[in-house]
N, C-alpha and C. Protein backbone atom coordinates (compact mmCIF):
# COMPACT_ATOMS: atom_id res chain seq x y z
N UNK A 1 13.25 -35.41 -4.37
CA UNK A 1 12.70 -36.15 -3.26
C UNK A 1 11.60 -35.33 -2.60
N UNK A 2 10.57 -36.02 -2.17
CA UNK A 2 9.43 -35.38 -1.51
C UNK A 2 9.29 -35.99 -0.13
N UNK A 3 9.14 -35.13 0.86
CA UNK A 3 8.88 -35.59 2.23
C UNK A 3 7.49 -35.11 2.60
N UNK A 4 6.71 -35.99 3.19
CA UNK A 4 5.37 -35.63 3.62
C UNK A 4 5.17 -36.01 5.07
N UNK A 5 4.37 -35.21 5.74
CA UNK A 5 3.94 -35.52 7.09
C UNK A 5 2.44 -35.73 7.01
N UNK A 6 2.00 -36.89 7.43
CA UNK A 6 0.58 -37.22 7.38
C UNK A 6 0.08 -37.40 8.80
N UNK A 7 -0.94 -36.63 9.16
CA UNK A 7 -1.57 -36.74 10.47
C UNK A 7 -2.78 -37.65 10.32
N UNK A 8 -2.90 -38.61 11.23
CA UNK A 8 -3.93 -39.64 11.12
C UNK A 8 -4.81 -39.62 12.36
N UNK A 9 -6.11 -39.59 12.13
CA UNK A 9 -7.09 -39.71 13.21
C UNK A 9 -7.81 -41.03 12.99
N UNK A 10 -7.65 -41.96 13.93
CA UNK A 10 -8.19 -43.30 13.74
C UNK A 10 -8.66 -43.87 15.08
N UNK A 11 -9.76 -44.61 15.07
CA UNK A 11 -10.22 -45.24 16.31
C UNK A 11 -9.40 -46.49 16.68
N UNK A 12 -8.57 -46.97 15.76
CA UNK A 12 -7.77 -48.18 16.00
C UNK A 12 -6.64 -47.89 16.97
N UNK A 13 -6.42 -48.84 17.89
CA UNK A 13 -5.28 -48.72 18.80
C UNK A 13 -4.02 -49.14 18.08
N UNK A 14 -2.91 -48.63 18.51
CA UNK A 14 -1.59 -48.94 17.95
C UNK A 14 -1.49 -48.60 16.46
N UNK A 15 -2.19 -47.57 16.02
CA UNK A 15 -2.15 -47.19 14.61
C UNK A 15 -0.74 -46.77 14.20
N UNK A 16 0.04 -46.15 15.10
CA UNK A 16 1.40 -45.71 14.75
C UNK A 16 2.29 -46.90 14.42
N UNK A 17 2.13 -48.01 15.13
CA UNK A 17 2.91 -49.21 14.86
C UNK A 17 2.54 -49.78 13.49
N UNK A 18 1.26 -49.77 13.18
CA UNK A 18 0.80 -50.27 11.88
C UNK A 18 1.31 -49.39 10.73
N UNK A 19 1.33 -48.08 10.96
CA UNK A 19 1.82 -47.16 9.94
C UNK A 19 3.29 -47.42 9.63
N UNK A 20 4.07 -47.68 10.66
CA UNK A 20 5.51 -47.89 10.51
C UNK A 20 5.83 -49.10 9.62
N UNK A 21 4.91 -50.03 9.50
CA UNK A 21 5.13 -51.23 8.70
C UNK A 21 4.96 -50.98 7.20
N UNK A 22 4.39 -49.84 6.82
CA UNK A 22 4.23 -49.52 5.39
C UNK A 22 5.59 -49.17 4.79
N UNK A 23 5.80 -49.55 3.54
CA UNK A 23 7.13 -49.45 2.93
C UNK A 23 7.67 -48.03 2.82
N UNK A 24 6.86 -47.06 2.50
CA UNK A 24 7.34 -45.69 2.28
C UNK A 24 7.34 -44.84 3.55
N UNK A 25 6.86 -45.39 4.67
CA UNK A 25 6.82 -44.65 5.92
C UNK A 25 8.19 -44.79 6.60
N UNK A 26 8.90 -43.68 6.72
CA UNK A 26 10.23 -43.71 7.33
C UNK A 26 10.16 -43.66 8.86
N UNK A 27 9.08 -43.08 9.39
CA UNK A 27 8.90 -43.02 10.84
C UNK A 27 7.43 -42.77 11.14
N UNK A 28 7.02 -43.20 12.31
CA UNK A 28 5.65 -42.99 12.74
C UNK A 28 5.63 -43.00 14.26
N UNK A 29 4.77 -42.17 14.84
CA UNK A 29 4.69 -42.14 16.30
C UNK A 29 3.29 -41.67 16.71
N UNK A 30 2.85 -42.12 17.88
CA UNK A 30 1.54 -41.71 18.39
C UNK A 30 1.60 -40.27 18.91
N UNK A 31 0.45 -39.62 18.91
CA UNK A 31 0.34 -38.26 19.43
C UNK A 31 -0.88 -38.17 20.32
N UNK A 32 -0.97 -37.09 21.05
CA UNK A 32 -2.19 -36.80 21.80
C UNK A 32 -2.78 -35.53 21.23
N UNK A 33 -4.05 -35.35 21.41
CA UNK A 33 -4.69 -34.16 20.88
C UNK A 33 -5.64 -34.51 19.75
N UNK A 34 -5.70 -33.65 18.75
CA UNK A 34 -6.66 -33.81 17.66
C UNK A 34 -6.39 -35.05 16.81
N UNK A 35 -5.13 -35.45 16.66
CA UNK A 35 -4.77 -36.61 15.84
C UNK A 35 -4.15 -37.69 16.70
N UNK A 36 -4.22 -38.93 16.22
CA UNK A 36 -3.76 -40.08 16.99
C UNK A 36 -2.34 -40.51 16.62
N UNK A 37 -1.89 -40.18 15.40
CA UNK A 37 -0.56 -40.60 14.97
C UNK A 37 -0.04 -39.68 13.88
N UNK A 38 1.29 -39.69 13.73
CA UNK A 38 1.98 -38.96 12.67
C UNK A 38 2.80 -39.97 11.88
N UNK A 39 2.72 -39.88 10.56
CA UNK A 39 3.55 -40.72 9.68
C UNK A 39 4.44 -39.81 8.85
N UNK A 40 5.73 -40.11 8.83
CA UNK A 40 6.70 -39.37 8.02
C UNK A 40 6.95 -40.21 6.77
N UNK A 41 6.74 -39.61 5.61
CA UNK A 41 6.85 -40.32 4.33
C UNK A 41 7.99 -39.72 3.52
N UNK A 42 8.85 -40.56 2.96
CA UNK A 42 9.92 -40.13 2.05
C UNK A 42 9.75 -40.87 0.73
N UNK A 43 9.50 -40.12 -0.34
CA UNK A 43 9.31 -40.72 -1.66
C UNK A 43 10.04 -39.91 -2.72
N UNK A 44 10.19 -40.48 -3.89
CA UNK A 44 10.86 -39.80 -5.01
C UNK A 44 9.90 -38.91 -5.79
N UNK A 45 8.67 -39.38 -5.98
CA UNK A 45 7.69 -38.67 -6.82
C UNK A 45 6.46 -38.29 -6.01
N UNK A 46 5.85 -37.18 -6.34
CA UNK A 46 4.67 -36.68 -5.64
C UNK A 46 3.52 -37.69 -5.68
N UNK A 47 3.34 -38.38 -6.78
CA UNK A 47 2.23 -39.33 -6.93
C UNK A 47 2.31 -40.44 -5.89
N UNK A 48 3.50 -40.74 -5.41
CA UNK A 48 3.67 -41.80 -4.41
C UNK A 48 3.02 -41.44 -3.08
N UNK A 49 2.87 -40.15 -2.79
CA UNK A 49 2.20 -39.72 -1.56
C UNK A 49 0.76 -40.20 -1.58
N UNK A 50 0.10 -40.08 -2.71
CA UNK A 50 -1.28 -40.54 -2.83
C UNK A 50 -1.37 -42.04 -2.60
N UNK A 51 -0.41 -42.79 -3.14
CA UNK A 51 -0.40 -44.24 -2.97
C UNK A 51 -0.27 -44.61 -1.49
N UNK A 52 0.61 -43.92 -0.78
CA UNK A 52 0.80 -44.19 0.64
C UNK A 52 -0.47 -43.80 1.42
N UNK A 53 -1.06 -42.67 1.08
CA UNK A 53 -2.30 -42.24 1.75
C UNK A 53 -3.40 -43.28 1.55
N UNK A 54 -3.47 -43.87 0.36
CA UNK A 54 -4.46 -44.92 0.11
C UNK A 54 -4.18 -46.15 0.95
N UNK A 55 -2.91 -46.50 1.12
CA UNK A 55 -2.54 -47.63 1.98
C UNK A 55 -2.93 -47.36 3.43
N UNK A 56 -2.72 -46.14 3.88
CA UNK A 56 -3.07 -45.77 5.25
C UNK A 56 -4.58 -45.89 5.45
N UNK A 57 -5.34 -45.45 4.47
CA UNK A 57 -6.80 -45.52 4.59
C UNK A 57 -7.29 -46.96 4.67
N UNK A 58 -6.57 -47.89 4.06
CA UNK A 58 -6.95 -49.30 4.12
C UNK A 58 -6.63 -49.92 5.47
N UNK A 59 -5.67 -49.35 6.21
CA UNK A 59 -5.27 -49.89 7.52
C UNK A 59 -6.37 -49.77 8.56
N UNK A 60 -7.06 -48.66 8.55
CA UNK A 60 -8.01 -48.38 9.62
C UNK A 60 -9.15 -47.52 9.08
N UNK A 61 -10.24 -47.58 9.79
CA UNK A 61 -11.37 -46.71 9.44
C UNK A 61 -11.02 -45.30 9.91
N UNK A 62 -10.40 -44.55 9.02
CA UNK A 62 -9.91 -43.22 9.40
C UNK A 62 -11.05 -42.24 9.57
N UNK A 63 -10.89 -41.39 10.55
CA UNK A 63 -11.83 -40.30 10.74
C UNK A 63 -11.35 -39.06 9.99
N UNK A 64 -10.02 -38.91 9.92
CA UNK A 64 -9.46 -37.74 9.24
C UNK A 64 -8.00 -38.00 8.91
N UNK A 65 -7.55 -37.38 7.81
CA UNK A 65 -6.16 -37.50 7.37
C UNK A 65 -5.74 -36.15 6.79
N UNK A 66 -4.63 -35.60 7.26
CA UNK A 66 -4.11 -34.33 6.72
C UNK A 66 -2.68 -34.55 6.28
N UNK A 67 -2.30 -33.83 5.22
CA UNK A 67 -0.95 -34.00 4.66
C UNK A 67 -0.26 -32.65 4.51
N UNK A 68 1.05 -32.65 4.81
CA UNK A 68 1.91 -31.51 4.53
C UNK A 68 3.08 -32.03 3.72
N UNK A 69 3.49 -31.29 2.70
CA UNK A 69 4.54 -31.73 1.80
C UNK A 69 5.74 -30.79 1.86
N UNK A 70 6.93 -31.38 1.63
CA UNK A 70 8.16 -30.60 1.51
C UNK A 70 8.92 -31.13 0.30
N UNK A 71 9.34 -30.24 -0.58
CA UNK A 71 10.04 -30.63 -1.79
C UNK A 71 11.52 -30.26 -1.65
N UNK A 72 12.39 -31.19 -2.01
CA UNK A 72 13.83 -30.93 -2.04
C UNK A 72 14.26 -30.77 -3.48
N UNK A 73 15.11 -29.79 -3.73
CA UNK A 73 15.64 -29.60 -5.10
C UNK A 73 16.98 -30.26 -5.23
């Protein structure tokens, strides 16, 4: 299992609510500071992270997206 944290910078309001509606996003919440929202992703395969990132990019005109990964054995 792979867990990822994706930081999203977007001009869209309520981006965290929109992120939460994606199938692989287990949690999402708004933040203040450099990024506007955080999405927590839980997937089985690493390639699925890219698929979710592509879905996020389609949601809003993103200014920036950063990812951190954690692998479980």
